PDB file of all heavy atoms in Angstrom:
ATOM      1  N   GLN A   1      -5.049   0.085   7.732  1.00  0.00           N
ATOM      2  CA  GLN A   1      -5.860   0.710   6.638  1.00  0.00           C
ATOM      3  C   GLN A   1      -6.913  -0.202   6.017  1.00  0.00           C
ATOM      4  O   GLN A   1      -8.108   0.127   5.537  1.00  0.00           O
ATOM      5  CB  GLN A   1      -5.001   1.344   5.583  1.00  0.00           C
ATOM      6  CG  GLN A   1      -4.326   2.553   6.069  1.00  0.00           C
ATOM      7  CD  GLN A   1      -3.535   3.382   5.037  1.00  0.00           C
ATOM      8  OE1 GLN A   1      -3.499   2.980   3.990  1.00  0.00           O
ATOM      9  NE2 GLN A   1      -3.072   4.504   5.406  1.00  0.00           N
ATOM     10  N   ALA A   2      -6.671  -1.562   5.992  1.00  0.00           N
ATOM     11  CA  ALA A   2      -7.650  -2.559   5.509  1.00  0.00           C
ATOM     12  C   ALA A   2      -8.723  -2.580   6.467  1.00  0.00           C
ATOM     13  O   ALA A   2      -9.949  -2.648   6.040  1.00  0.00           O
ATOM     14  CB  ALA A   2      -6.997  -3.866   5.368  1.00  0.00           C
ATOM     15  N   GLU A   3      -8.510  -2.510   7.739  1.00  0.00           N
ATOM     16  CA  GLU A   3      -9.533  -2.484   8.684  1.00  0.00           C
ATOM     17  C   GLU A   3     -10.392  -1.209   8.646  1.00  0.00           C
ATOM     18  O   GLU A   3     -11.647  -1.255   8.664  1.00  0.00           O
ATOM     19  CB  GLU A   3      -9.059  -2.566  10.094  1.00  0.00           C
ATOM     20  CG  GLU A   3     -10.095  -2.595  11.237  1.00  0.00           C
ATOM     21  CD  GLU A   3      -9.447  -2.741  12.628  1.00  0.00           C
ATOM     22  OE1 GLU A   3      -8.313  -2.368  12.869  1.00  0.00           O
ATOM     23  OE2 GLU A   3     -10.237  -3.332  13.525  1.00  0.00           O
ATOM     24  N   TYR A   4      -9.688  -0.091   8.365  1.00  0.00           N
ATOM     25  CA  TYR A   4     -10.447   1.240   8.359  1.00  0.00           C
ATOM     26  C   TYR A   4     -11.331   1.239   7.153  1.00  0.00           C
ATOM     27  O   TYR A   4     -12.451   1.693   7.143  1.00  0.00           O
ATOM     28  CB  TYR A   4      -9.408   2.423   8.287  1.00  0.00           C
ATOM     29  CG  TYR A   4     -10.038   3.721   8.188  1.00  0.00           C
ATOM     30  CD1 TYR A   4     -11.020   4.159   9.064  1.00  0.00           C
ATOM     31  CD2 TYR A   4      -9.499   4.605   7.199  1.00  0.00           C
ATOM     32  CE1 TYR A   4     -11.493   5.427   8.931  1.00  0.00           C
ATOM     33  CE2 TYR A   4     -10.057   5.873   7.002  1.00  0.00           C
ATOM     34  CZ  TYR A   4     -11.100   6.260   7.933  1.00  0.00           C
ATOM     35  OH  TYR A   4     -11.578   7.478   7.827  1.00  0.00           O
ATOM     36  N   ALA A   5     -10.845   0.748   5.994  1.00  0.00           N
ATOM     37  CA  ALA A   5     -11.610   0.690   4.765  1.00  0.00           C
ATOM     38  C   ALA A   5     -12.923  -0.152   4.901  1.00  0.00           C
ATOM     39  O   ALA A   5     -13.947   0.232   4.525  1.00  0.00           O
ATOM     40  CB  ALA A   5     -10.764   0.075   3.551  1.00  0.00           C
ATOM     41  N   ALA A   6     -12.818  -1.284   5.667  1.00  0.00           N
ATOM     42  CA  ALA A   6     -13.947  -2.104   5.921  1.00  0.00           C
ATOM     43  C   ALA A   6     -14.953  -1.387   6.830  1.00  0.00           C
ATOM     44  O   ALA A   6     -16.141  -1.485   6.605  1.00  0.00           O
ATOM     45  CB  ALA A   6     -13.569  -3.417   6.455  1.00  0.00           C
ATOM     46  N   GLU A   7     -14.326  -0.600   7.776  1.00  0.00           N
ATOM     47  CA  GLU A   7     -15.262   0.090   8.720  1.00  0.00           C
ATOM     48  C   GLU A   7     -15.970   1.273   8.017  1.00  0.00           C
ATOM     49  O   GLU A   7     -17.208   1.487   8.345  1.00  0.00           O
ATOM     50  CB  GLU A   7     -14.361   0.605   9.877  1.00  0.00           C
ATOM     51  CG  GLU A   7     -13.989  -0.393  10.786  1.00  0.00           C
ATOM     52  CD  GLU A   7     -12.965   0.112  11.880  1.00  0.00           C
ATOM     53  OE1 GLU A   7     -12.541   1.274  11.775  1.00  0.00           O
ATOM     54  OE2 GLU A   7     -12.733  -0.688  12.833  1.00  0.00           O
ATOM     55  N   LEU A   8     -15.271   1.908   7.123  1.00  0.00           N
ATOM     56  CA  LEU A   8     -15.951   2.941   6.349  1.00  0.00           C
ATOM     57  C   LEU A   8     -17.213   2.483   5.577  1.00  0.00           C
ATOM     58  O   LEU A   8     -18.132   3.298   5.448  1.00  0.00           O
ATOM     59  CB  LEU A   8     -14.987   3.598   5.364  1.00  0.00           C
ATOM     60  CG  LEU A   8     -13.843   4.533   5.920  1.00  0.00           C
ATOM     61  CD1 LEU A   8     -12.991   5.054   4.759  1.00  0.00           C
ATOM     62  CD2 LEU A   8     -14.495   5.796   6.579  1.00  0.00           C
ATOM     63  N   VAL A   9     -17.096   1.288   5.115  1.00  0.00           N
ATOM     64  CA  VAL A   9     -18.283   0.706   4.426  1.00  0.00           C
ATOM     65  C   VAL A   9     -19.273   0.153   5.376  1.00  0.00           C
ATOM     66  O   VAL A   9     -20.282  -0.380   4.929  1.00  0.00           O
ATOM     67  CB  VAL A   9     -17.829  -0.184   3.203  1.00  0.00           C
ATOM     68  CG1 VAL A   9     -18.956  -0.669   2.379  1.00  0.00           C
ATOM     69  CG2 VAL A   9     -16.734   0.454   2.451  1.00  0.00           C
ATOM     70  N   LYS A  10     -18.979   0.202   6.638  1.00  0.00           N
ATOM     71  CA  LYS A  10     -19.837  -0.292   7.688  1.00  0.00           C
ATOM     72  C   LYS A  10     -19.923  -1.835   7.465  1.00  0.00           C
ATOM     73  O   LYS A  10     -21.134  -2.402   7.684  1.00  0.00           O
ATOM     74  CB  LYS A  10     -21.144   0.395   7.766  1.00  0.00           C
ATOM     75  CG  LYS A  10     -21.157   1.887   7.924  1.00  0.00           C
ATOM     76  CD  LYS A  10     -22.455   2.455   8.062  1.00  0.00           C
ATOM     77  CE  LYS A  10     -22.302   3.999   8.184  1.00  0.00           C
ATOM     78  NZ  LYS A  10     -21.435   4.414   9.308  1.00  0.00           N
ATOM     79  N   ARG A  11     -18.901  -2.521   7.257  1.00  0.00           N
ATOM     80  CA  ARG A  11     -18.938  -3.977   7.075  1.00  0.00           C
ATOM     81  C   ARG A  11     -19.066  -4.551   8.584  1.00  0.00           C
ATOM     82  O   ARG A  11     -18.436  -3.922   9.585  1.00  0.00           O
ATOM     83  CB  ARG A  11     -17.649  -4.616   6.594  1.00  0.00           C
ATOM     84  CG  ARG A  11     -17.345  -4.112   5.230  1.00  0.00           C
ATOM     85  CD  ARG A  11     -18.295  -4.751   4.189  1.00  0.00           C
ATOM     86  NE  ARG A  11     -17.953  -4.405   2.771  1.00  0.00           N
ATOM     87  CZ  ARG A  11     -18.653  -4.750   1.703  1.00  0.00           C
ATOM     88  NH1 ARG A  11     -19.795  -5.285   1.914  1.00  0.00           N
ATOM     89  NH2 ARG A  11     -18.305  -4.382   0.579  1.00  0.00           N
ATOM     90  N   LYS A  12     -19.818  -5.520   8.756  1.00  0.00           N
ATOM     91  CA  LYS A  12     -19.932  -6.192  10.081  1.00  0.00           C
ATOM     92  C   LYS A  12     -18.503  -6.872  10.507  1.00  0.00           C
ATOM     93  O   LYS A  12     -17.868  -7.375   9.688  1.00  0.00           O
ATOM     94  CB  LYS A  12     -21.007  -7.239  10.097  1.00  0.00           C
ATOM     95  CG  LYS A  12     -22.351  -6.658   9.991  1.00  0.00           C
ATOM     96  CD  LYS A  12     -23.437  -7.779   9.950  1.00  0.00           C
ATOM     97  CE  LYS A  12     -24.851  -7.223   9.764  1.00  0.00           C
ATOM     98  NZ  LYS A  12     -25.819  -8.286   9.740  1.00  0.00           N
ATOM     99  N   LYS A  13     -18.148  -6.729  11.614  1.00  0.00           N
ATOM    100  CA  LYS A  13     -17.044  -7.407  12.117  1.00  0.00           C
ATOM    101  C   LYS A  13     -17.078  -9.025  11.834  1.00  0.00           C
ATOM    102  O   LYS A  13     -18.103  -9.672  11.905  1.00  0.00           O
ATOM    103  CB  LYS A  13     -16.823  -7.287  13.666  1.00  0.00           C
ATOM    104  CG  LYS A  13     -16.201  -5.977  14.149  1.00  0.00           C
ATOM    105  CD  LYS A  13     -14.919  -5.734  13.699  1.00  0.00           C
ATOM    106  CE  LYS A  13     -14.303  -4.408  14.214  1.00  0.00           C
ATOM    107  NZ  LYS A  13     -13.003  -4.089  13.754  1.00  0.00           N
ATOM    108  N   GLY A  14     -16.010  -9.463  11.292  1.00  0.00           N
ATOM    109  CA  GLY A  14     -16.005 -10.886  10.841  1.00  0.00           C
ATOM    110  C   GLY A  14     -16.332 -11.066   9.352  1.00  0.00           C
ATOM    111  O   GLY A  14     -16.349 -12.180   8.829  1.00  0.00           O
ATOM    112  N   SER A  15     -16.616  -9.900   8.697  1.00  0.00           N
ATOM    113  CA  SER A  15     -16.940 -10.025   7.245  1.00  0.00           C
ATOM    114  C   SER A  15     -15.530 -10.327   6.439  1.00  0.00           C
ATOM    115  O   SER A  15     -14.479 -10.066   7.028  1.00  0.00           O
ATOM    116  CB  SER A  15     -17.463  -8.707   6.709  1.00  0.00           C
ATOM    117  OG  SER A  15     -18.639  -8.378   7.373  1.00  0.00           O
ATOM    118  N   PRO A  16     -15.608 -11.014   5.363  1.00  0.00           N
ATOM    119  CA  PRO A  16     -14.406 -11.333   4.651  1.00  0.00           C
ATOM    120  C   PRO A  16     -13.425 -10.263   4.397  1.00  0.00           C
ATOM    121  O   PRO A  16     -12.213 -10.413   4.341  1.00  0.00           O
ATOM    122  CB  PRO A  16     -14.950 -11.814   3.273  1.00  0.00           C
ATOM    123  CG  PRO A  16     -16.291 -12.341   3.523  1.00  0.00           C
ATOM    124  CD  PRO A  16     -16.848 -11.381   4.518  1.00  0.00           C
ATOM    125  N   GLN A  17     -13.858  -8.973   4.315  1.00  0.00           N
ATOM    126  CA  GLN A  17     -12.953  -7.831   4.031  1.00  0.00           C
ATOM    127  C   GLN A  17     -11.972  -7.534   5.162  1.00  0.00           C
ATOM    128  O   GLN A  17     -10.903  -7.154   4.994  1.00  0.00           O
ATOM    129  CB  GLN A  17     -13.849  -6.592   3.795  1.00  0.00           C
ATOM    130  CG  GLN A  17     -14.595  -6.564   2.440  1.00  0.00           C
ATOM    131  CD  GLN A  17     -15.816  -7.385   2.484  1.00  0.00           C
ATOM    132  OE1 GLN A  17     -16.312  -7.853   3.598  1.00  0.00           O
ATOM    133  NE2 GLN A  17     -16.402  -7.412   1.365  1.00  0.00           N
ATOM    134  N   TYR A  18     -12.384  -7.948   6.380  1.00  0.00           N
ATOM    135  CA  TYR A  18     -11.528  -7.899   7.500  1.00  0.00           C
ATOM    136  C   TYR A  18     -10.266  -8.904   7.497  1.00  0.00           C
ATOM    137  O   TYR A  18      -9.192  -8.712   8.039  1.00  0.00           O
ATOM    138  CB  TYR A  18     -12.236  -7.969   8.837  1.00  0.00           C
ATOM    139  CG  TYR A  18     -13.089  -6.860   9.242  1.00  0.00           C
ATOM    140  CD1 TYR A  18     -14.396  -6.842   8.887  1.00  0.00           C
ATOM    141  CD2 TYR A  18     -12.458  -5.716   9.825  1.00  0.00           C
ATOM    142  CE1 TYR A  18     -15.178  -5.644   9.146  1.00  0.00           C
ATOM    143  CE2 TYR A  18     -13.324  -4.667  10.073  1.00  0.00           C
ATOM    144  CZ  TYR A  18     -14.616  -4.560   9.846  1.00  0.00           C
ATOM    145  OH  TYR A  18     -15.403  -3.395  10.087  1.00  0.00           O
ATOM    146  N   ALA A  19     -10.395  -9.971   6.652  1.00  0.00           N
ATOM    147  CA  ALA A  19      -9.319 -10.836   6.578  1.00  0.00           C
ATOM    148  C   ALA A  19      -8.075 -10.208   6.017  1.00  0.00           C
ATOM    149  O   ALA A  19      -7.004 -10.680   6.203  1.00  0.00           O
ATOM    150  CB  ALA A  19      -9.753 -12.113   5.639  1.00  0.00           C
ATOM    151  N   ALA A  20      -8.199  -9.150   5.162  1.00  0.00           N
ATOM    152  CA  ALA A  20      -7.082  -8.451   4.594  1.00  0.00           C
ATOM    153  C   ALA A  20      -6.163  -7.887   5.853  1.00  0.00           C
ATOM    154  O   ALA A  20      -5.013  -7.881   5.657  1.00  0.00           O
ATOM    155  CB  ALA A  20      -7.463  -7.312   3.716  1.00  0.00           C
ATOM    156  N   SER A  21      -7.023  -7.360   6.821  1.00  0.00           N
ATOM    157  CA  SER A  21      -6.247  -6.702   7.943  1.00  0.00           C
ATOM    158  C   SER A  21      -5.598  -7.739   8.839  1.00  0.00           C
ATOM    159  O   SER A  21      -4.499  -7.628   9.201  1.00  0.00           O
ATOM    160  CB  SER A  21      -7.293  -5.969   8.866  1.00  0.00           C
ATOM    161  OG  SER A  21      -6.609  -5.487   9.936  1.00  0.00           O
ATOM    162  N   TYR A  22      -6.288  -8.895   9.124  1.00  0.00           N
ATOM    163  CA  TYR A  22      -5.752 -10.016   9.845  1.00  0.00           C
ATOM    164  C   TYR A  22      -4.336 -10.510   9.190  1.00  0.00           C
ATOM    165  O   TYR A  22      -3.441 -10.856   9.914  1.00  0.00           O
ATOM    166  CB  TYR A  22      -6.745 -11.139   9.959  1.00  0.00           C
ATOM    167  CG  TYR A  22      -7.991 -10.723  10.751  1.00  0.00           C
ATOM    168  CD1 TYR A  22      -9.267 -11.164  10.234  1.00  0.00           C
ATOM    169  CD2 TYR A  22      -8.024  -9.746  11.715  1.00  0.00           C
ATOM    170  CE1 TYR A  22     -10.379 -10.827  10.776  1.00  0.00           C
ATOM    171  CE2 TYR A  22      -9.341  -9.362  12.351  1.00  0.00           C
ATOM    172  CZ  TYR A  22     -10.469  -9.964  11.803  1.00  0.00           C
ATOM    173  OH  TYR A  22     -11.669  -9.499  12.236  1.00  0.00           O
ATOM    174  N   ALA A  23      -4.512 -10.649   7.840  1.00  0.00           N
ATOM    175  CA  ALA A  23      -3.278 -11.208   7.088  1.00  0.00           C
ATOM    176  C   ALA A  23      -2.064 -10.260   7.212  1.00  0.00           C
ATOM    177  O   ALA A  23      -0.880 -10.682   7.494  1.00  0.00           O
ATOM    178  CB  ALA A  23      -3.686 -11.490   5.634  1.00  0.00           C
ATOM    179  N   ALA A  24      -2.367  -8.959   6.952  1.00  0.00           N
ATOM    180  CA  ALA A  24      -1.277  -8.003   7.082  1.00  0.00           C
ATOM    181  C   ALA A  24      -0.743  -7.918   8.449  1.00  0.00           C
ATOM    182  O   ALA A  24       0.605  -7.806   8.588  1.00  0.00           O
ATOM    183  CB  ALA A  24      -1.737  -6.722   6.565  1.00  0.00           C
ATOM    184  N   SER A  25      -1.578  -8.020   9.413  1.00  0.00           N
ATOM    185  CA  SER A  25      -1.075  -8.033  10.842  1.00  0.00           C
ATOM    186  C   SER A  25      -0.298  -9.147  11.118  1.00  0.00           C
ATOM    187  O   SER A  25       0.799  -9.032  11.970  1.00  0.00           O
ATOM    188  CB  SER A  25      -2.326  -7.925  11.690  1.00  0.00           C
ATOM    189  OG  SER A  25      -1.897  -7.907  13.126  1.00  0.00           O
ATOM    190  N   ALA A  26      -0.514 -10.297  10.516  1.00  0.00           N
ATOM    191  CA  ALA A  26       0.311 -11.472  10.882  1.00  0.00           C
ATOM    192  C   ALA A  26       1.696 -11.341  10.379  1.00  0.00           C
ATOM    193  O   ALA A  26       2.729 -11.740  11.033  1.00  0.00           O
ATOM    194  CB  ALA A  26      -0.405 -12.664  10.192  1.00  0.00           C
ATOM    195  N   ALA A  27       1.826 -10.685   9.100  1.00  0.00           N
ATOM    196  CA  ALA A  27       3.102 -10.336   8.669  1.00  0.00           C
ATOM    197  C   ALA A  27       3.919  -9.391   9.503  1.00  0.00           C
ATOM    198  O   ALA A  27       5.059  -9.596   9.725  1.00  0.00           O
ATOM    199  CB  ALA A  27       3.040  -9.811   7.207  1.00  0.00           C
ATOM    200  N   GLU A  28       3.180  -8.366   9.969  1.00  0.00           N
ATOM    201  CA  GLU A  28       3.824  -7.416  10.937  1.00  0.00           C
ATOM    202  C   GLU A  28       4.441  -8.062  12.189  1.00  0.00           C
ATOM    203  O   GLU A  28       5.564  -7.801  12.549  1.00  0.00           O
ATOM    204  CB  GLU A  28       2.895  -6.278  11.361  1.00  0.00           C
ATOM    205  CG  GLU A  28       3.590  -5.261  12.193  1.00  0.00           C
ATOM    206  CD  GLU A  28       2.463  -4.215  12.652  1.00  0.00           C
ATOM    207  OE1 GLU A  28       1.165  -4.603  12.755  1.00  0.00           O
ATOM    208  OE2 GLU A  28       2.898  -3.218  13.228  1.00  0.00           O
ATOM    209  N   LEU A  29       3.589  -8.894  12.664  1.00  0.00           N
ATOM    210  CA  LEU A  29       3.954  -9.623  13.949  1.00  0.00           C
ATOM    211  C   LEU A  29       5.179 -10.535  13.714  1.00  0.00           C
ATOM    212  O   LEU A  29       6.150 -10.585  14.650  1.00  0.00           O
ATOM    213  CB  LEU A  29       2.748 -10.424  14.477  1.00  0.00           C
ATOM    214  CG  LEU A  29       1.639  -9.630  15.139  1.00  0.00           C
ATOM    215  CD1 LEU A  29       0.496 -10.359  15.308  1.00  0.00           C
ATOM    216  CD2 LEU A  29       2.135  -9.118  16.424  1.00  0.00           C
ATOM    217  N   ALA A  30       5.225 -11.260  12.547  1.00  0.00           N
ATOM    218  CA  ALA A  30       6.404 -12.137  12.276  1.00  0.00           C
ATOM    219  C   ALA A  30       7.640 -11.242  12.262  1.00  0.00           C
ATOM    220  O   ALA A  30       8.650 -11.802  12.777  1.00  0.00           O
ATOM    221  CB  ALA A  30       6.180 -12.774  10.990  1.00  0.00           C
ATOM    222  N   ALA A  31       7.527 -10.116  11.603  1.00  0.00           N
ATOM    223  CA  ALA A  31       8.732  -9.189  11.560  1.00  0.00           C
ATOM    224  C   ALA A  31       9.049  -8.704  12.908  1.00  0.00           C
ATOM    225  O   ALA A  31      10.246  -8.717  13.273  1.00  0.00           O
ATOM    226  CB  ALA A  31       8.430  -8.041  10.475  1.00  0.00           C
ATOM    227  N   THR A  32       8.184  -8.343  13.752  1.00  0.00           N
ATOM    228  CA  THR A  32       8.392  -7.817  14.987  1.00  0.00           C
ATOM    229  C   THR A  32       9.032  -8.917  15.873  1.00  0.00           C
ATOM    230  O   THR A  32      10.089  -8.560  16.630  1.00  0.00           O
ATOM    231  CB  THR A  32       7.071  -7.361  15.749  1.00  0.00           C
ATOM    232  OG1 THR A  32       6.477  -6.417  14.876  1.00  0.00           O
ATOM    233  CG2 THR A  32       7.324  -6.875  17.117  1.00  0.00           C
TER     234      THR A  32
END
């Protein structure tokens, strides 16, 4: 949803807003 929110606003890939998605994904992977 962090990624989707950034896409809705048409942020360019690599914008700071995408860091929220990368961070949450890291947590999910650690648990997996």
